[in-house]
């Protein structure tokens, strides 16, 4: 876990495009080991699929980084600040953009490169699921903003509408798929895929408020996703099953877990006053503010995204109904089972307070990205 943290901190802190790649690849190895050593029955399949998707898709990263660093200058440089002021022929820029997009889309993940995520979450230990949902998925969104939007603005102007369209489809598509999942962690994983669609829409909006909304969504989902997978693990420790059709009627037996499990899905479905609600309207407003999109395009995309937002309150509350309501009872839930202890409550409260804080007052975190996002968007418009 410490090795994984090192790679993540190195990636987010690097000011050099080659260093960001060098931090990107080693971060994958600890995740592979966490999966293959401490996963479920199909852990080797899930770990192999994870490494094939994430490592295989990042083959283009070093080639793109070296091309950008060596192009059109007597003094090669890989520094982000210098590369931000460089321009490339549109054909080369499109090729570079696609190379980086494939790598970051698989990590985010973006449909159709998302199939590794449900398998990985379904087989990983819940502590590994928390780490995956909390930070590694956001590396893809960060890369899109840091490289594709900032360093390749002309190509981003071409691909931005496609990112918005794919993002809108991604919000809707996982909803019925999630509803059909019998495994608790796989259902939460598909809800994560759906929320990543909002990040794609925010990045594709190419506006100040839209990109800030995408960053806020990344922070919000990191907190909510980690909490949901922690609760899945807490429940599994007591029931010894993740199959929803083997659960039911647990609310009276473990009321503290039931209370917390009822709270975090509300944040995930963007209940007002919680962090999910703060991010999603910003993303939609950012897309509306983009003057390059036609009125019909905006209306269609917003309607599709709204359908996905409506579907979310169907599959998450139904998950709660299957787990905690009704007359069924888990066979392994004995009369001696204990409710959430002080350690578990403390962890959940530490995750819940930021969710409420961001939901009520988003400016707790927005000033951290406002100035940089404003600069990136300004550079994009100057390049046009």
Protein backbone atom coordinates (compact mmCIF):
# COMPACT_ATOMS: atom_id res chain seq x y z
CA UNK A 1 0.00 0.00 0.00
CA UNK A 2 2.86 2.41 0.80
CA UNK A 3 4.43 1.65 -2.58
CA UNK A 4 1.10 2.45 -4.26
CA UNK A 5 0.78 5.71 -2.30
CA UNK A 6 4.31 6.68 -3.42
CA UNK A 7 3.39 6.27 -7.08
CA UNK A 8 0.18 8.24 -6.66
CA UNK A 9 1.79 11.13 -4.80
CA UNK A 10 4.61 11.18 -7.36
CA UNK A 11 2.13 11.37 -10.25
CA UNK A 12 0.05 14.20 -8.82
CA UNK A 13 3.09 16.18 -7.65
CA UNK A 14 5.27 15.79 -10.75
CA UNK A 15 5.96 18.87 -12.87
CA UNK A 16 7.64 16.79 -15.57
CA UNK A 17 5.80 14.67 -18.12
CA UNK A 18 8.42 11.89 -18.05
CA UNK A 19 8.32 11.71 -14.26
CA UNK A 20 4.54 11.46 -14.34
CA UNK A 21 4.87 8.39 -16.59
CA UNK A 22 7.57 6.87 -14.38
CA UNK A 23 5.18 7.23 -11.43
CA UNK A 24 2.22 5.92 -13.45
CA UNK A 25 3.66 2.48 -14.21
CA UNK A 26 5.08 1.46 -10.78
CA UNK A 27 1.73 2.34 -9.19
CA UNK A 28 0.14 -0.55 -11.11
CA UNK A 29 2.39 -3.26 -9.63
CA UNK A 30 1.27 -2.89 -5.97
CA UNK A 31 -2.39 -2.91 -7.07
CA UNK A 32 -1.75 -6.12 -9.03
CA UNK A 33 -0.18 -7.73 -5.95
CA UNK A 34 -2.99 -6.57 -3.66
CA UNK A 35 -5.46 -8.16 -6.07
CA UNK A 36 -3.65 -11.40 -6.81
CA UNK A 37 -2.60 -12.16 -3.21
CA UNK A 38 -5.61 -11.01 -1.19
CA UNK A 39 -8.53 -11.24 -3.59
CA UNK A 40 -11.41 -13.67 -3.97
CA UNK A 41 -11.69 -16.96 -5.84
CA UNK A 42 -11.19 -15.36 -9.27
CA UNK A 43 -8.47 -12.97 -8.10
CA UNK A 44 -5.88 -14.03 -10.70
CA UNK A 45 -8.34 -13.45 -13.54
CA UNK A 46 -9.27 -10.02 -12.14
CA UNK A 47 -5.63 -9.05 -11.52
CA UNK A 48 -4.55 -10.13 -15.01
CA UNK A 49 -7.44 -8.24 -16.60
CA UNK A 50 -6.56 -5.15 -14.55
CA UNK A 51 -2.92 -5.16 -15.59
CA UNK A 52 -3.73 -5.87 -19.26
CA UNK A 53 -6.15 -2.95 -19.48
CA UNK A 54 -4.25 -0.36 -17.45
CA UNK A 55 -0.66 -1.25 -18.37
CA UNK A 56 -1.48 -2.23 -21.95
CA UNK A 57 -3.31 1.02 -22.64
CA UNK A 58 -0.43 3.12 -21.26
CA UNK A 59 2.07 1.89 -23.88
CA UNK A 60 1.50 5.13 -25.79
CA UNK A 61 2.39 7.35 -22.79
CA UNK A 62 6.22 7.26 -23.11
CA UNK A 63 6.07 7.68 -26.90
CA UNK A 64 3.74 10.67 -26.56
CA UNK A 65 5.84 12.22 -23.79
CA UNK A 66 9.09 11.89 -25.76
CA UNK A 67 7.49 13.23 -28.94
CA UNK A 68 6.23 16.32 -27.11
CA UNK A 69 9.57 16.85 -25.39
CA UNK A 70 11.74 16.49 -28.50
CA UNK A 71 9.53 18.21 -31.08
CA UNK A 72 10.48 21.56 -32.60
CA UNK A 73 13.22 22.67 -30.24
CA UNK A 74 16.99 22.56 -30.06
CA UNK A 75 16.80 22.07 -26.30
CA UNK A 76 14.56 19.11 -25.43
CA UNK A 77 12.35 19.67 -22.42
CA UNK A 78 9.74 17.68 -20.56
CA UNK A 79 8.67 20.42 -18.17
CA UNK A 80 4.89 20.99 -18.06
CA UNK A 81 5.16 24.81 -17.96
CA UNK A 82 7.29 24.93 -21.11
CA UNK A 83 5.24 22.30 -22.94
CA UNK A 84 2.07 24.31 -22.22
CA UNK A 85 3.39 27.08 -24.50
CA UNK A 86 4.31 24.77 -27.35
CA UNK A 87 2.22 24.21 -30.47
CA UNK A 88 2.16 21.22 -32.81
CA UNK A 89 0.77 20.49 -36.29
CA UNK A 90 -2.88 19.56 -35.92
CA UNK A 91 -2.31 16.05 -37.32
CA UNK A 92 0.45 15.31 -34.80
CA UNK A 93 -1.58 16.85 -31.98
CA UNK A 94 -4.56 14.61 -32.77
CA UNK A 95 -2.33 11.50 -32.74
CA UNK A 96 -0.79 12.54 -29.41
CA UNK A 97 -4.24 13.29 -28.00
CA UNK A 98 -5.58 9.86 -28.97
CA UNK A 99 -2.54 8.12 -27.46
CA UNK A 100 -2.96 9.85 -24.11
CA UNK A 101 -6.76 9.49 -24.26
CA UNK A 102 -6.60 5.68 -24.54
CA UNK A 103 -4.35 5.44 -21.48
CA UNK A 104 -6.42 7.78 -19.33
CA UNK A 105 -9.75 6.43 -20.58
CA UNK A 106 -8.82 2.90 -19.47
CA UNK A 107 -7.79 4.18 -16.05
CA UNK A 108 -10.82 6.41 -15.46
CA UNK A 109 -12.47 4.11 -16.83
CA UNK A 110 -14.41 5.19 -19.91
CA UNK A 111 -16.90 3.00 -21.76
CA UNK A 112 -16.02 0.63 -23.49
CA UNK A 113 -12.70 0.26 -21.60
CA UNK A 114 -14.45 -0.16 -18.26
CA UNK A 115 -14.95 -3.92 -17.98
CA UNK A 116 -11.90 -4.46 -15.77
CA UNK A 117 -13.40 -2.34 -12.97
CA UNK A 118 -16.41 -4.51 -11.92
CA UNK A 119 -14.24 -7.65 -12.04
CA UNK A 120 -11.51 -5.98 -10.00
CA UNK A 121 -13.87 -4.61 -7.36
CA UNK A 122 -15.81 -7.87 -7.27
CA UNK A 123 -12.71 -9.92 -6.39
CA UNK A 124 -10.55 -7.45 -4.42
CA UNK A 125 -10.48 -7.24 -0.63
CA UNK A 126 -12.62 -4.33 0.48
CA UNK A 127 -9.57 -2.36 1.67
CA UNK A 128 -8.16 -2.60 -1.86
CA UNK A 129 -11.55 -1.55 -3.25
CA UNK A 130 -11.46 1.54 -1.02
CA UNK A 131 -8.03 2.49 -2.35
CA UNK A 132 -9.04 1.89 -5.98
CA UNK A 133 -12.21 3.95 -5.69
CA UNK A 134 -10.52 6.69 -3.69
CA UNK A 135 -7.48 7.64 -5.78
CA UNK A 136 -6.31 5.46 -8.74
CA UNK A 137 -9.46 6.04 -10.82
CA UNK A 138 -8.91 9.79 -10.46
CA UNK A 139 -5.48 9.49 -12.06
CA UNK A 140 -7.27 9.11 -15.40
CA UNK A 141 -9.32 12.28 -14.91
CA UNK A 142 -6.26 14.18 -13.73
CA UNK A 143 -4.30 13.06 -16.80
CA UNK A 144 -7.06 14.20 -19.14
CA UNK A 145 -7.05 17.69 -17.61
CA UNK A 146 -3.28 17.97 -17.12
CA UNK A 147 -2.18 16.63 -20.50
CA UNK A 148 -5.05 16.52 -23.00
CA UNK A 149 -6.78 19.77 -22.08
CA UNK A 150 -3.77 21.87 -21.08
CA UNK A 151 -1.04 20.70 -23.44
CA UNK A 152 -3.12 19.70 -26.50
CA UNK A 153 -5.86 22.36 -26.70
CA UNK A 154 -6.50 22.25 -30.47
CA UNK A 155 -7.10 18.50 -30.47
CA UNK A 156 -9.24 18.84 -27.36
CA UNK A 157 -11.49 21.28 -29.19
CA UNK A 158 -12.06 18.57 -31.80
CA UNK A 159 -12.70 15.72 -29.35
CA UNK A 160 -14.57 17.66 -26.64
CA UNK A 161 -18.07 16.99 -28.09
CA UNK A 162 -17.27 13.28 -28.31
CA UNK A 163 -16.17 13.21 -24.67
CA UNK A 164 -19.47 14.85 -23.71
CA UNK A 165 -21.47 12.32 -25.73
CA UNK A 166 -19.57 9.33 -24.31
CA UNK A 167 -19.91 10.81 -20.82
CA UNK A 168 -23.68 11.15 -21.21
CA UNK A 169 -23.98 7.56 -22.47
CA UNK A 170 -21.76 6.38 -19.62
CA UNK A 171 -24.08 7.97 -17.05
CA UNK A 172 -27.03 5.97 -18.39
CA UNK A 173 -25.52 2.67 -19.56
CA UNK A 174 -24.24 1.27 -16.21
CA UNK A 175 -27.53 1.99 -14.41
CA UNK A 176 -29.55 -0.99 -15.73
CA UNK A 177 -26.38 -3.10 -15.65
CA UNK A 178 -25.85 -2.23 -11.99
CA UNK A 179 -29.48 -3.03 -11.20
CA UNK A 180 -28.98 -6.59 -12.52
CA UNK A 181 -25.92 -7.33 -10.37
CA UNK A 182 -26.38 -9.83 -7.53
CA UNK A 183 -22.97 -9.08 -6.01
CA UNK A 184 -22.92 -6.07 -3.66
CA UNK A 185 -19.45 -4.85 -4.64
CA UNK A 186 -20.11 -5.23 -8.36
CA UNK A 187 -23.27 -3.14 -8.02
CA UNK A 188 -21.27 -0.38 -6.31
CA UNK A 189 -18.57 -0.71 -9.00
CA UNK A 190 -21.06 -0.12 -11.83
CA UNK A 191 -22.37 2.94 -9.99
CA UNK A 192 -18.77 4.21 -10.00
CA UNK A 193 -18.59 3.76 -13.78
CA UNK A 194 -21.77 5.82 -14.08
CA UNK A 195 -20.34 8.67 -11.98
CA UNK A 196 -17.16 8.74 -14.07
CA UNK A 197 -19.41 9.80 -16.95
CA UNK A 198 -19.93 13.16 -15.23
CA UNK A 199 -16.16 13.65 -15.09
CA UNK A 200 -15.92 13.03 -18.84
CA UNK A 201 -18.71 15.55 -19.46
CA UNK A 202 -16.97 18.13 -17.28
CA UNK A 203 -13.65 17.68 -19.08
CA UNK A 204 -15.41 17.76 -22.45
CA UNK A 205 -17.27 20.96 -21.57
CA UNK A 206 -13.93 22.82 -21.77
CA UNK A 207 -15.25 25.61 -19.56
CA UNK A 208 -14.01 26.93 -16.23
CA UNK A 209 -17.06 25.83 -14.23
CA UNK A 210 -17.32 22.47 -16.04
CA UNK A 211 -13.71 21.43 -15.40
CA UNK A 212 -13.94 22.62 -11.79
CA UNK A 213 -17.10 20.51 -11.48
CA UNK A 214 -15.22 17.48 -12.84
CA UNK A 215 -12.48 17.97 -10.23
CA UNK A 216 -15.09 18.35 -7.50
CA UNK A 217 -16.79 15.17 -8.74
CA UNK A 218 -13.46 13.33 -8.50
CA UNK A 219 -13.01 14.41 -4.89
CA UNK A 220 -16.64 13.66 -4.04
CA UNK A 221 -16.61 10.20 -5.62
CA UNK A 222 -13.32 9.38 -3.92
CA UNK A 223 -14.96 9.92 -0.54
CA UNK A 224 -18.32 8.30 -1.35
CA UNK A 225 -16.88 5.31 -3.23
CA UNK A 226 -14.36 4.53 -0.48
CA UNK A 227 -17.13 4.72 2.14
CA UNK A 228 -19.47 2.42 0.18
CA UNK A 229 -16.80 -0.24 -0.28
CA UNK A 230 -15.82 0.04 3.39
CA UNK A 231 -19.46 -0.54 4.33
CA UNK A 232 -19.59 -3.51 1.95
CA UNK A 233 -16.62 -4.98 3.78
CA UNK A 234 -18.11 -4.25 7.19
CA UNK A 235 -21.30 -6.02 6.14
CA UNK A 236 -19.39 -8.98 4.70
CA UNK A 237 -17.47 -9.39 7.98
CA UNK A 238 -20.81 -10.06 9.68
CA UNK A 239 -22.76 -11.90 6.99
CA UNK A 240 -20.01 -13.79 5.12
CA UNK A 241 -21.83 -13.17 1.86
CA UNK A 242 -21.90 -10.48 -0.83
CA UNK A 243 -24.93 -11.85 -2.69
CA UNK A 244 -27.88 -9.50 -2.35
CA UNK A 245 -30.49 -12.22 -2.75
CA UNK A 246 -29.05 -13.92 0.34
CA UNK A 247 -29.55 -10.81 2.45
CA UNK A 248 -32.60 -9.08 3.88
CA UNK A 249 -34.13 -7.98 7.15
CA UNK A 250 -30.84 -6.86 8.72
CA UNK A 251 -31.86 -3.33 9.72
CA UNK A 252 -33.02 -4.27 13.23
CA UNK A 253 -29.97 -6.46 13.86
CA UNK A 254 -27.24 -3.98 12.86
CA UNK A 255 -28.92 -0.52 13.12
CA UNK A 256 -25.68 1.54 13.12
CA UNK A 257 -24.43 -0.07 9.92
CA UNK A 258 -27.91 0.33 8.44
CA UNK A 259 -27.90 4.06 9.29
CA UNK A 260 -24.53 4.67 7.66
CA UNK A 261 -25.34 2.43 4.68
CA UNK A 262 -28.48 4.52 4.15
CA UNK A 263 -26.54 7.81 4.24
CA UNK A 264 -23.74 7.32 1.73
CA UNK A 265 -25.92 6.11 -1.20
CA UNK A 266 -27.91 9.33 -0.72
CA UNK A 267 -24.68 11.25 -1.34
CA UNK A 268 -23.99 9.07 -4.38
CA UNK A 269 -27.38 9.85 -5.93
CA UNK A 270 -26.72 13.60 -5.47
CA UNK A 271 -29.05 14.44 -2.61
CA UNK A 272 -29.00 18.23 -2.01
CA UNK A 273 -26.64 19.20 0.79
CA UNK A 274 -24.16 16.42 -0.01
CA UNK A 275 -21.05 16.58 -2.20
CA UNK A 276 -22.53 14.72 -5.21
CA UNK A 277 -25.15 17.41 -5.61
CA UNK A 278 -22.54 20.18 -5.59
CA UNK A 279 -20.54 18.69 -8.47
CA UNK A 280 -23.14 17.51 -10.98
CA UNK A 281 -24.96 20.85 -11.59
CA UNK A 282 -21.59 22.54 -12.11
CA UNK A 283 -20.72 20.03 -14.82
CA UNK A 284 -24.06 20.44 -16.59
CA UNK A 285 -23.87 24.23 -16.31
CA UNK A 286 -20.35 24.17 -17.72
CA UNK A 287 -21.53 22.21 -20.74
CA UNK A 288 -24.41 24.67 -21.28
CA UNK A 289 -21.95 27.60 -21.13
CA UNK A 290 -19.80 26.22 -23.96
CA UNK A 291 -20.56 28.44 -26.95
CA UNK A 292 -19.19 25.90 -29.44
CA UNK A 293 -22.02 23.43 -28.76
CA UNK A 294 -25.33 23.87 -30.55
CA UNK A 295 -28.57 24.30 -28.63
CA UNK A 296 -29.95 20.97 -29.85
CA UNK A 297 -26.74 19.18 -28.81
CA UNK A 298 -26.94 20.68 -25.31
CA UNK A 299 -30.60 19.74 -24.88
CA UNK A 300 -30.09 16.13 -26.03
CA UNK A 301 -27.05 15.61 -23.79
CA UNK A 302 -28.74 17.13 -20.74
CA UNK A 303 -31.84 14.98 -21.26
CA UNK A 304 -29.71 11.82 -21.51
CA UNK A 305 -27.70 12.80 -18.41
CA UNK A 306 -30.95 13.56 -16.57
CA UNK A 307 -32.23 10.07 -17.37
CA UNK A 308 -29.08 8.62 -15.82
CA UNK A 309 -29.51 10.83 -12.76
CA UNK A 310 -33.08 9.56 -12.40
CA UNK A 311 -31.98 5.92 -12.73
CA UNK A 312 -29.44 6.23 -9.90
CA UNK A 313 -32.14 6.51 -7.18
CA UNK A 314 -33.54 3.23 -8.52
CA UNK A 315 -30.57 0.87 -8.25
CA UNK A 316 -28.99 2.25 -5.06
CA UNK A 317 -32.12 2.31 -2.84
CA UNK A 318 -33.10 -1.08 -4.25
CA UNK A 319 -29.75 -2.33 -2.97
CA UNK A 320 -30.65 -1.05 0.50
CA UNK A 321 -34.09 -2.68 0.27
CA UNK A 322 -32.59 -6.06 -0.58
CA UNK A 323 -30.04 -5.83 2.22
CA UNK A 324 -31.91 -4.37 5.16
CA UNK A 325 -35.67 -4.63 4.61
CA UNK A 326 -38.06 -7.53 4.12
CA UNK A 327 -38.33 -10.81 5.99
CA UNK A 328 -35.32 -12.63 4.60
CA UNK A 329 -32.37 -12.96 6.93
CA UNK A 330 -28.78 -13.95 6.28
CA UNK A 331 -28.18 -17.47 7.53
CA UNK A 332 -24.77 -16.61 8.95
CA UNK A 333 -26.06 -13.56 10.85
CA UNK A 334 -26.27 -15.10 14.32
CA UNK A 335 -27.89 -13.58 17.38
CA UNK A 336 -24.40 -12.77 18.72
CA UNK A 337 -23.42 -10.56 15.78
CA UNK A 338 -22.08 -7.14 16.80
CA UNK A 339 -23.04 -3.82 15.27
CA UNK A 340 -20.49 -1.28 14.03
CA UNK A 341 -17.75 -0.68 16.58
CA UNK A 342 -16.00 2.61 17.50
CA UNK A 343 -13.23 2.11 14.92
CA UNK A 344 -15.68 1.58 12.07
CA UNK A 345 -17.91 4.49 13.13
CA UNK A 346 -14.86 6.77 13.40
CA UNK A 347 -13.71 5.90 9.85
CA UNK A 348 -17.19 6.48 8.42
CA UNK A 349 -17.60 9.81 10.25
CA UNK A 350 -14.22 10.95 8.90
CA UNK A 351 -15.53 10.26 5.39
CA UNK A 352 -19.02 11.66 5.98
CA UNK A 353 -18.04 15.09 7.37
CA UNK A 354 -16.15 16.15 4.20
CA UNK A 355 -19.09 14.94 2.08
CA UNK A 356 -21.47 17.18 4.05
CA UNK A 357 -18.97 20.06 4.13
CA UNK A 358 -18.41 20.04 0.36
CA UNK A 359 -22.13 19.66 -0.27
CA UNK A 360 -23.05 22.68 1.85
CA UNK A 361 -20.05 24.86 0.98
CA UNK A 362 -18.16 23.70 -2.17
CA UNK A 363 -15.70 26.58 -1.81
CA UNK A 364 -13.96 24.50 0.83
CA UNK A 365 -12.10 22.80 -2.04
CA UNK A 366 -12.82 24.82 -5.21
CA UNK A 367 -10.21 27.55 -4.50
CA UNK A 368 -7.55 24.84 -4.67
CA UNK A 369 -8.20 24.37 -8.40
CA UNK A 370 -9.83 27.64 -9.53
CA UNK A 371 -6.71 29.55 -10.53
CA UNK A 372 -5.07 26.64 -12.37
CA UNK A 373 -8.26 25.67 -14.20
CA UNK A 374 -8.80 29.30 -15.18
CA UNK A 375 -5.27 29.41 -16.61
CA UNK A 376 -5.78 26.15 -18.55
CA UNK A 377 -9.06 27.33 -20.06
CA UNK A 378 -7.54 30.74 -20.91
CA UNK A 379 -4.64 29.03 -22.69
CA UNK A 380 -7.14 26.95 -24.66
CA UNK A 381 -9.07 29.99 -25.85
CA UNK A 382 -5.87 31.88 -26.72
CA UNK A 383 -4.73 28.90 -28.81
CA UNK A 384 -8.01 28.98 -30.73
